[in-house]
């Protein structure tokens, strides 16, 4: 695989952490932070072998979110083929922290392993004091997006470098027992519009198909509809025009097992009116990708949103995740949770 001159060799030779963070006045923060005795004992290795990266991922990932799962992230590696660089801190042979990156030849910078499409990102460390260390040894140029931050971060060296990213769009439905209850949580106007569109489409006698599968053949319909839907929007064309992204989505579907994939199709008369790719993992319901014939069926997007909320409630999910980027409408039906970026 061709590697850019700006990329490190990706070997696993141990380099003393002191090489990155020598004990001097400039680095006093690290030595005052309770790490003065640990830093001399630590070494840095950069892993690019995908099997070694897998082993590190499995040891450190909390596996709370879809984005924590190797099978999901690996689909992006299968799609793009960018070389991974897992910057890893060791005490002797024991890994204490890992920063899982890849180098994007398109973006010309380091991103999370899996690209900046990843969400729910955290630093993989045994001790949170090592977060600053991982960022310090990370390569340039670097963009880490969608970082989850807790209150303890206010004491970290990198805290003042955090910038707001597009917020997460989440809806907690753990205490919701029906659509009527959920509707009451929305503003009056938004509640009215959602119900009006739902009953307008309901009056057309739609047929809803929920297809639970790891067969990517159903994705052909979604891709075609998504590309057509955005074909007239030069400022926001479909990402599925990118062959690497298209291949990635197919692998997301094929790799399902730990997480589950399904398609929700809405048919009206002889037309496919809308199709969504939904992924479920544990108690979470992810609205991932879709396409619709909005020109022919006004309100079809809200009909599908209503249906998927209803399905999530009826099937006992606790959280609906509509991912980042508002697109001008998500804030009406989801709570927006701040996440952050770091760059250097």
Protein backbone atom coordinates (compact mmCIF):
# COMPACT_ATOMS: atom_id res chain seq x y z
CA UNK A 1 0.00 0.00 0.00
CA UNK A 2 1.42 3.40 -1.01
CA UNK A 3 2.19 5.62 1.97
CA UNK A 4 2.44 9.40 1.98
CA UNK A 5 5.74 11.03 2.93
CA UNK A 6 3.92 12.65 5.84
CA UNK A 7 3.02 9.29 7.35
CA UNK A 8 5.18 7.50 9.98
CA UNK A 9 6.66 4.11 9.05
CA UNK A 10 4.02 2.30 11.10
CA UNK A 11 6.51 -0.09 12.63
CA UNK A 12 6.35 -1.44 16.16
CA UNK A 13 9.81 -0.44 17.38
CA UNK A 14 9.58 0.81 20.96
CA UNK A 15 10.49 4.47 21.39
CA UNK A 16 10.85 5.81 24.95
CA UNK A 17 8.10 8.24 25.86
CA UNK A 18 10.88 10.56 27.08
CA UNK A 19 11.74 11.06 23.40
CA UNK A 20 8.30 12.71 22.92
CA UNK A 21 8.03 14.37 26.32
CA UNK A 22 11.50 15.15 27.68
CA UNK A 23 11.69 16.45 31.21
CA UNK A 24 12.06 20.19 30.72
CA UNK A 25 10.24 23.39 31.61
CA UNK A 26 8.00 23.19 28.55
CA UNK A 27 6.66 19.81 29.67
CA UNK A 28 6.27 20.58 33.37
CA UNK A 29 2.52 19.96 33.15
CA UNK A 30 3.01 16.26 32.46
CA UNK A 31 5.47 15.79 35.31
CA UNK A 32 3.29 17.69 37.79
CA UNK A 33 0.27 15.61 36.85
CA UNK A 34 1.23 12.56 38.88
CA UNK A 35 3.10 10.99 35.97
CA UNK A 36 6.69 11.91 36.84
CA UNK A 37 7.57 8.36 37.93
CA UNK A 38 5.55 6.66 35.19
CA UNK A 39 6.76 8.58 32.11
CA UNK A 40 10.34 7.20 32.23
CA UNK A 41 8.93 3.67 32.30
CA UNK A 42 6.68 4.10 29.26
CA UNK A 43 7.40 3.40 25.61
CA UNK A 44 5.50 4.25 22.42
CA UNK A 45 4.73 1.84 19.59
CA UNK A 46 2.82 2.62 16.40
CA UNK A 47 0.87 -0.40 15.16
CA UNK A 48 -0.24 -0.67 11.53
CA UNK A 49 -0.75 -4.43 11.29
CA UNK A 50 -4.52 -4.82 11.17
CA UNK A 51 -4.51 -7.94 13.37
CA UNK A 52 -2.51 -6.15 16.06
CA UNK A 53 -4.87 -3.19 15.78
CA UNK A 54 -7.82 -5.54 16.24
CA UNK A 55 -6.29 -7.00 19.41
CA UNK A 56 -5.72 -3.54 20.89
CA UNK A 57 -9.22 -2.42 19.92
CA UNK A 58 -10.82 -5.42 21.59
CA UNK A 59 -8.87 -4.81 24.80
CA UNK A 60 -9.73 -1.11 25.12
CA UNK A 61 -13.10 -0.53 23.45
CA UNK A 62 -15.97 -0.05 25.93
CA UNK A 63 -18.39 -1.56 23.37
CA UNK A 64 -21.21 0.71 24.56
CA UNK A 65 -22.01 2.19 21.16
CA UNK A 66 -22.23 1.01 17.55
CA UNK A 67 -19.12 3.10 16.91
CA UNK A 68 -17.22 1.14 19.57
CA UNK A 69 -17.54 -2.09 17.59
CA UNK A 70 -14.63 -3.40 15.54
CA UNK A 71 -16.94 -4.96 12.93
CA UNK A 72 -18.48 -1.55 12.21
CA UNK A 73 -15.17 0.32 12.05
CA UNK A 74 -13.57 -2.46 10.02
CA UNK A 75 -16.22 -1.92 7.33
CA UNK A 76 -14.70 1.54 6.77
CA UNK A 77 -11.22 0.02 6.55
CA UNK A 78 -12.58 -2.42 3.97
CA UNK A 79 -14.15 0.46 2.07
CA UNK A 80 -11.25 2.92 2.02
CA UNK A 81 -8.15 0.84 2.68
CA UNK A 82 -6.36 3.63 4.54
CA UNK A 83 -3.50 2.39 6.67
CA UNK A 84 -4.13 2.40 10.44
CA UNK A 85 -1.76 3.97 12.94
CA UNK A 86 -2.53 2.93 16.50
CA UNK A 87 -0.33 5.05 18.77
CA UNK A 88 0.08 2.89 21.86
CA UNK A 89 1.61 3.52 25.29
CA UNK A 90 3.29 0.53 26.95
CA UNK A 91 4.66 -0.15 30.38
CA UNK A 92 6.96 -3.05 29.57
CA UNK A 93 4.68 -5.33 27.54
CA UNK A 94 1.40 -4.02 28.97
CA UNK A 95 -0.56 -1.50 26.87
CA UNK A 96 -1.91 1.38 28.98
CA UNK A 97 -3.49 3.49 26.26
CA UNK A 98 -4.07 3.59 22.52
CA UNK A 99 -5.04 6.33 20.07
CA UNK A 100 -6.60 4.53 17.06
CA UNK A 101 -5.96 6.59 13.92
CA UNK A 102 -5.67 6.27 10.19
CA UNK A 103 -4.19 8.61 7.63
CA UNK A 104 -6.73 9.91 5.11
CA UNK A 105 -5.12 10.41 1.72
CA UNK A 106 -8.16 12.43 0.68
CA UNK A 107 -8.16 14.76 3.68
CA UNK A 108 -4.35 14.77 3.99
CA UNK A 109 -4.55 14.39 7.76
CA UNK A 110 -4.89 11.85 10.54
CA UNK A 111 -8.40 10.97 11.65
CA UNK A 112 -9.98 8.43 13.95
CA UNK A 113 -9.67 4.90 12.60
CA UNK A 114 -12.77 4.73 10.43
CA UNK A 115 -12.79 8.41 9.34
CA UNK A 116 -14.43 11.54 10.74
CA UNK A 117 -17.82 9.90 10.19
CA UNK A 118 -17.22 8.13 13.51
CA UNK A 119 -19.14 9.30 16.59
CA UNK A 120 -19.16 8.56 20.34
CA UNK A 121 -15.35 8.82 20.34
CA UNK A 122 -13.29 8.41 23.50
CA UNK A 123 -9.62 8.04 24.32
CA UNK A 124 -8.70 4.43 25.07
CA UNK A 125 -6.74 4.61 28.34
CA UNK A 126 -6.36 2.65 31.54
CA UNK A 127 -5.89 5.94 33.43
CA UNK A 128 -7.45 9.24 32.26
CA UNK A 129 -4.21 11.08 33.11
CA UNK A 130 -2.81 9.49 29.95
CA UNK A 131 -5.27 11.30 27.65
CA UNK A 132 -3.05 14.39 27.52
CA UNK A 133 -0.06 12.15 26.83
CA UNK A 134 -1.74 10.45 23.88
CA UNK A 135 -2.67 13.78 22.33
CA UNK A 136 0.87 15.06 22.86
CA UNK A 137 2.46 12.14 20.99
CA UNK A 138 -0.16 12.11 18.20
CA UNK A 139 1.05 13.05 14.71
CA UNK A 140 0.30 16.21 12.70
CA UNK A 141 -1.95 17.23 11.06
CA UNK A 142 -4.66 15.67 13.20
CA UNK A 143 -8.44 16.01 13.50
CA UNK A 144 -10.29 14.16 16.25
CA UNK A 145 -14.04 14.72 15.96
CA UNK A 146 -17.15 13.85 17.97
CA UNK A 147 -15.30 13.47 21.27
CA UNK A 148 -17.34 12.77 24.37
CA UNK A 149 -16.16 14.90 27.28
CA UNK A 150 -16.90 14.63 31.00
CA UNK A 151 -16.53 17.17 33.81
CA UNK A 152 -13.04 15.95 34.76
CA UNK A 153 -11.70 17.21 31.44
CA UNK A 154 -11.63 20.78 32.80
CA UNK A 155 -8.33 19.88 34.47
CA UNK A 156 -6.70 18.54 31.33
CA UNK A 157 -4.06 20.30 29.27
CA UNK A 158 -6.12 19.86 26.11
CA UNK A 159 -9.33 21.26 27.62
CA UNK A 160 -8.81 24.78 26.21
CA UNK A 161 -8.18 23.34 22.75
CA UNK A 162 -11.60 21.71 22.53
CA UNK A 163 -14.02 23.17 19.99
CA UNK A 164 -17.70 22.44 19.51
CA UNK A 165 -18.53 19.87 16.87
CA UNK A 166 -21.97 19.29 15.33
CA UNK A 167 -24.05 18.03 18.27
CA UNK A 168 -25.36 14.50 18.61
CA UNK A 169 -29.09 14.07 18.00
CA UNK A 170 -30.50 11.67 20.58
CA UNK A 171 -33.91 10.86 22.02
CA UNK A 172 -34.17 9.03 25.32
CA UNK A 173 -37.25 6.80 25.12
CA UNK A 174 -36.42 4.58 28.09
CA UNK A 175 -39.42 5.92 30.06
CA UNK A 176 -41.74 6.29 27.06
CA UNK A 177 -44.49 3.69 26.66
CA UNK A 178 -46.35 4.95 23.59
CA UNK A 179 -46.19 7.36 20.67
CA UNK A 180 -48.74 9.57 22.40
CA UNK A 181 -46.32 10.01 25.30
CA UNK A 182 -43.43 10.73 22.95
CA UNK A 183 -45.45 13.29 20.99
CA UNK A 184 -46.06 15.26 24.16
CA UNK A 185 -42.31 15.86 24.47
CA UNK A 186 -42.24 17.85 21.22
CA UNK A 187 -43.16 21.49 20.73
CA UNK A 188 -46.79 22.02 19.75
CA UNK A 189 -46.05 23.05 16.15
CA UNK A 190 -43.56 20.22 15.58
CA UNK A 191 -45.96 17.71 17.14
CA UNK A 192 -48.75 18.92 14.85
CA UNK A 193 -46.58 18.70 11.71
CA UNK A 194 -45.35 15.21 12.53
CA UNK A 195 -48.86 13.90 13.16
CA UNK A 196 -50.34 15.68 10.14
CA UNK A 197 -47.76 14.22 7.77
CA UNK A 198 -48.12 10.77 9.30
CA UNK A 199 -51.90 10.70 8.86
CA UNK A 200 -51.68 12.27 5.40
CA UNK A 201 -49.48 9.40 4.20
CA UNK A 202 -51.50 6.88 6.22
CA UNK A 203 -54.51 7.94 4.14
CA UNK A 204 -52.70 6.68 1.02
CA UNK A 205 -52.68 3.11 2.43
CA UNK A 206 -48.90 2.67 2.55
CA UNK A 207 -47.34 -0.78 2.86
CA UNK A 208 -44.45 -0.95 5.32
CA UNK A 209 -41.80 -3.64 5.02
CA UNK A 210 -39.16 -4.19 7.70
CA UNK A 211 -36.42 -6.39 6.25
CA UNK A 212 -33.89 -7.67 8.81
CA UNK A 213 -30.89 -8.83 6.83
CA UNK A 214 -27.13 -8.77 6.31
CA UNK A 215 -27.61 -9.03 2.55
CA UNK A 216 -26.48 -5.82 0.89
CA UNK A 217 -28.66 -6.27 -2.21
CA UNK A 218 -31.38 -4.15 -0.59
CA UNK A 219 -28.92 -1.28 -0.38
CA UNK A 220 -29.10 -0.83 -4.17
CA UNK A 221 -32.57 0.68 -3.84
CA UNK A 222 -31.52 2.98 -1.03
CA UNK A 223 -28.42 4.19 -2.87
CA UNK A 224 -30.36 4.91 -6.06
CA UNK A 225 -33.05 6.83 -4.19
CA UNK A 226 -30.56 8.75 -2.03
CA UNK A 227 -28.46 9.83 -5.01
CA UNK A 228 -31.56 10.91 -6.93
CA UNK A 229 -32.93 12.80 -3.92
CA UNK A 230 -29.77 14.90 -3.57
CA UNK A 231 -28.90 15.16 -7.27
CA UNK A 232 -30.25 18.71 -7.56
CA UNK A 233 -28.46 19.99 -4.44
CA UNK A 234 -24.98 21.00 -5.58
CA UNK A 235 -24.05 22.13 -2.06
CA UNK A 236 -24.99 18.80 -0.46
CA UNK A 237 -24.74 15.96 -2.95
CA UNK A 238 -25.10 12.35 -1.86
CA UNK A 239 -21.99 10.83 -0.28
CA UNK A 240 -22.96 7.59 -2.03
CA UNK A 241 -21.52 9.01 -5.26
CA UNK A 242 -18.18 8.14 -3.66
CA UNK A 243 -17.38 4.53 -4.60
CA UNK A 244 -15.37 4.00 -1.42
CA UNK A 245 -18.29 5.20 0.71
CA UNK A 246 -20.70 3.00 -1.22
CA UNK A 247 -18.46 -0.01 -0.66
CA UNK A 248 -18.22 0.90 3.03
CA UNK A 249 -21.99 0.84 3.52
CA UNK A 250 -22.21 -2.54 1.82
CA UNK A 251 -19.60 -3.89 4.23
CA UNK A 252 -21.43 -2.37 7.20
CA UNK A 253 -24.41 -4.50 6.22
CA UNK A 254 -22.36 -7.63 5.50
CA UNK A 255 -20.44 -7.32 8.79
CA UNK A 256 -23.60 -7.19 10.90
CA UNK A 257 -24.03 -9.83 13.56
CA UNK A 258 -22.97 -8.23 16.84
CA UNK A 259 -25.07 -5.31 15.64
CA UNK A 260 -28.19 -5.85 13.51
CA UNK A 261 -29.12 -4.15 10.24
CA UNK A 262 -32.57 -3.71 8.77
CA UNK A 263 -34.26 -1.82 5.97
CA UNK A 264 -37.57 -0.02 6.46
CA UNK A 265 -39.37 0.35 3.13
CA UNK A 266 -42.53 2.38 2.53
CA UNK A 267 -44.49 1.43 -0.60
CA UNK A 268 -47.40 3.51 -1.87
CA UNK A 269 -49.35 2.22 -4.83
CA UNK A 270 -46.67 0.97 -7.25
CA UNK A 271 -43.95 3.27 -5.94
CA UNK A 272 -41.17 2.90 -3.40
CA UNK A 273 -41.81 6.08 -1.42
CA UNK A 274 -38.98 5.81 1.11
CA UNK A 275 -36.32 3.46 2.42
CA UNK A 276 -34.13 3.69 5.51
CA UNK A 277 -31.18 1.72 6.81
CA UNK A 278 -31.56 1.20 10.56
CA UNK A 279 -28.94 -0.39 12.81
CA UNK A 280 -29.67 -1.69 16.29
CA UNK A 281 -27.18 -2.53 19.01
CA UNK A 282 -28.07 -3.42 22.58
CA UNK A 283 -30.77 -0.90 23.60
CA UNK A 284 -29.91 1.64 20.89
CA UNK A 285 -31.77 2.29 17.62
CA UNK A 286 -29.68 4.09 14.98
CA UNK A 287 -31.24 5.93 12.03
CA UNK A 288 -28.29 5.66 9.68
CA UNK A 289 -29.12 6.38 6.05
CA UNK A 290 -32.14 6.83 3.84
CA UNK A 291 -33.75 8.00 0.66
CA UNK A 292 -37.26 9.11 -0.24
CA UNK A 293 -39.46 10.35 -3.06
CA UNK A 294 -40.39 13.63 -1.41
CA UNK A 295 -41.44 15.23 -4.69
CA UNK A 296 -44.14 12.62 -5.20
CA UNK A 297 -45.13 12.09 -1.56
CA UNK A 298 -45.07 15.24 0.55
CA UNK A 299 -44.49 14.44 4.21
CA UNK A 300 -42.98 10.98 3.60
CA UNK A 301 -39.92 11.85 5.69
CA UNK A 302 -42.04 12.63 8.75
CA UNK A 303 -44.12 9.50 8.16
CA UNK A 304 -40.99 7.38 8.26
CA UNK A 305 -39.67 9.20 11.33
CA UNK A 306 -42.98 8.62 13.14
CA UNK A 307 -42.98 4.95 12.15
CA UNK A 308 -39.41 4.37 13.32
CA UNK A 309 -39.99 6.12 16.65
CA UNK A 310 -43.03 3.90 17.10
CA UNK A 311 -41.08 0.76 16.20
CA UNK A 312 -38.27 1.66 18.60
CA UNK A 313 -40.76 2.17 21.47
CA UNK A 314 -42.69 -1.02 20.76
CA UNK A 315 -39.50 -3.08 20.61
CA UNK A 316 -38.17 -1.85 23.93
CA UNK A 317 -35.24 0.31 22.83
CA UNK A 318 -34.02 2.97 25.25
CA UNK A 319 -32.32 5.43 22.92
CA UNK A 320 -32.88 6.60 19.35
CA UNK A 321 -29.72 7.98 17.75
CA UNK A 322 -30.14 10.10 14.61
CA UNK A 323 -26.41 10.88 14.44
CA UNK A 324 -24.72 14.24 13.99
CA UNK A 325 -25.54 17.05 11.55
CA UNK A 326 -28.95 18.67 12.01
CA UNK A 327 -29.87 19.16 8.33
CA UNK A 328 -32.32 21.82 9.48
CA UNK A 329 -34.82 19.49 11.18
CA UNK A 330 -33.38 17.07 13.74
CA UNK A 331 -33.45 19.61 16.58
CA UNK A 332 -37.25 19.53 16.41
CA UNK A 333 -37.47 15.90 17.49
CA UNK A 334 -34.16 15.08 19.19
CA UNK A 335 -32.17 16.41 22.11
CA UNK A 336 -28.88 17.88 20.95
CA UNK A 337 -25.91 16.69 22.99
CA UNK A 338 -22.61 18.60 22.71
CA UNK A 339 -19.51 16.81 21.45
CA UNK A 340 -16.12 18.28 20.63
CA UNK A 341 -13.18 18.31 18.25
CA UNK A 342 -9.44 18.51 18.79
CA UNK A 343 -6.98 19.57 16.09
CA UNK A 344 -3.29 20.13 15.71
